[in-house]
Amino acid sequence: MNQMPHQADKQTVATANPVHAENLPITAAAAHTVMPQVFVQQGTPAEKPVQAAKPATAGKAPGPNAAAAIQIEQEAAAGQARQSADKILRKKRLGESEGDQNAESSVDSSYDVVAANTTETAAPAEEATAAGGSSAAASGSSAWLPIAGGGLGLAAIGGGGGGAAAVTAPTVSTFAVSIAAVAGPVTAALNYKIYDAQGNLVASGVTDATGKVTVNLSTTYSGQPLLITISDANGAAADFRDEATNASASLGSTALRASFVATGGSQSVTVSPITELAVQKMGITTDAATASAATVNATNASVGAALGVSDILGAVTTVLSADYNEANGVSAAEAYGQALAKLSGLDQANGSMSATFTALLNALNISDATLRASTLITLLNEGAVQFEAGPNSGAATLPVLPTLTVTDSVASGPTNAAVTYTFTFSEAVTGFDANDITVTNGTKGTFTPVSATEYRLVVTPTANAQGADLGVSVNAGIGYQGTLEPHGVGTLQGTHALRVVPWISRVWPRLAVV
């Protein structure tokens, strides 16, 4: 590449201006090492580099023959450069790949070739940055050449060696997601995968031997639902310790999943049989977070409430953990562990974890709120009984929710007299009074606690309520879960004639147990 006389030692700044002198060579060299005194032009084969012409001796003008030779060389170089530029533009229009890093630029983005103006005096780094977008790359031998489209190329200028500076990649903002798999205490590494709503694999890998791993995700996922899948990583070998049997067990072909909404900040997510139940309730059947963010949050909350867990994505202290201690009260994490122990017992009653999921999902899908609540509590009680009959019964005392039977004082037929309802619990409870009872088409009378398990309430039918039903229901209150709908109903057969139908046995929501 020819330089103007007396400028061989001056630093040159590349500009993003169009070519003003056809004698100037065009350069779009990639950001790779530049050989001293050698410049590979666009369209010139690498094995035949164009050598930079030596500058004229200071104070002595070149002779006629030398001047003619220099002009011919400049014109030839300019012609080659124009051909190279035309070739690049044609390929860019046709969408062809520019793969040859010697003949064409290795910069990935498309760009327009810009001439290196060697007629101007070198500017300081600050001025170069302001004028052309970057400063010189090396002292007097090369300069960063701005590329239209956002890239940077290194322009090699004759007069010394030099290397290309590295292009700084844009910073990607991330947040940490700490995953903890629980199916009883985990004892082996497990596979994990994270999917977005479209089924794209966001992250994957293997947890540690306790089922834990922390993954950094891009903050671009903030506000989006994601799906975590946990699966076996060691074949038939054990993955966790079963609470009900105390035996080592493998997940086998069973995968545990959890769906959560990314916050963009550090968050922890538990993946357990209960989160798997919630994912099934959401209707997710593929490796994709197909439920909306609102559905994910609502379903996780409702499934947790139904099973007595305040946050199913929250921390868990299993009943077999050394940190589990009922003596100082049951924490939210320990209550989660109790619920998982009940599911473990239910696995033994049903024969498999899959069968337990089916039974619980069927119960969750019952439309009648009373029947749904009673069915779930019956299942959980069954699991608790199984656990308490197993080898780890001393590790925890799982609460078995009391059941309630309501009867009335009417033997048969209609009546218009006051009716006494008797509420009998399967075990002693505290906190139950008349305020926990709602009466339909009647008035509450005397409430009498007979014992810690038996309570009575006198109800007087509403006057002139012919054709109406008389009934009682037990409200949700402090320490209770759910509401029982009235099943003891009566139909007036005549003026003030009331037929009362006894209540059937119903499962009682959570109470304070003596």
Foldseek 3Di string as FASTA:
>chain_A
DEAEAPCLQFAFFAAQDADDDLLFAWAFAAQWFDFAQWDQAAQRDPVDTDGYDDHDDPPDDDDPVVVVVSSVVSNVRSVSRVVRQVVLVVCVVVVHDPPDNRNDPPDPFRFHIGTGDNVDGADDQVVSCVGHNGGQQDRSFWRWHDTHPGDIHIGGDHNTGGHGDDDDDDDFQKAKEKEFECLAFWQQKWKKWKAEQVLDTQDIDIAHRRRIDMDIGTLVQAQGKMKMKIAHDPAFDFTHQQLQARDGGHCHGPIWMAIARHHSYYDYFYTYLLRSLLCVLQVDDDSHRNRGNVSRVVSQCVSCLLLVARGNGDAADALPHPPDDPPVHQDNNDSNNLSSQLLSLLCVVQVHNVSSSVQLSVLVPDPDQQSSSQSSLVSSLNSQVSSCPYPCVVSDRRDRAKWWFKFWDDPWFWALAKIKIKIFIPAFFPDDWPVQKDKDQWDWDDWADPDRGMIMIIIHGHAPPAQFWIWMWGHADVQWRGTHDTDFIWHAPDHSITTTDGGDIGGGTGGHGD
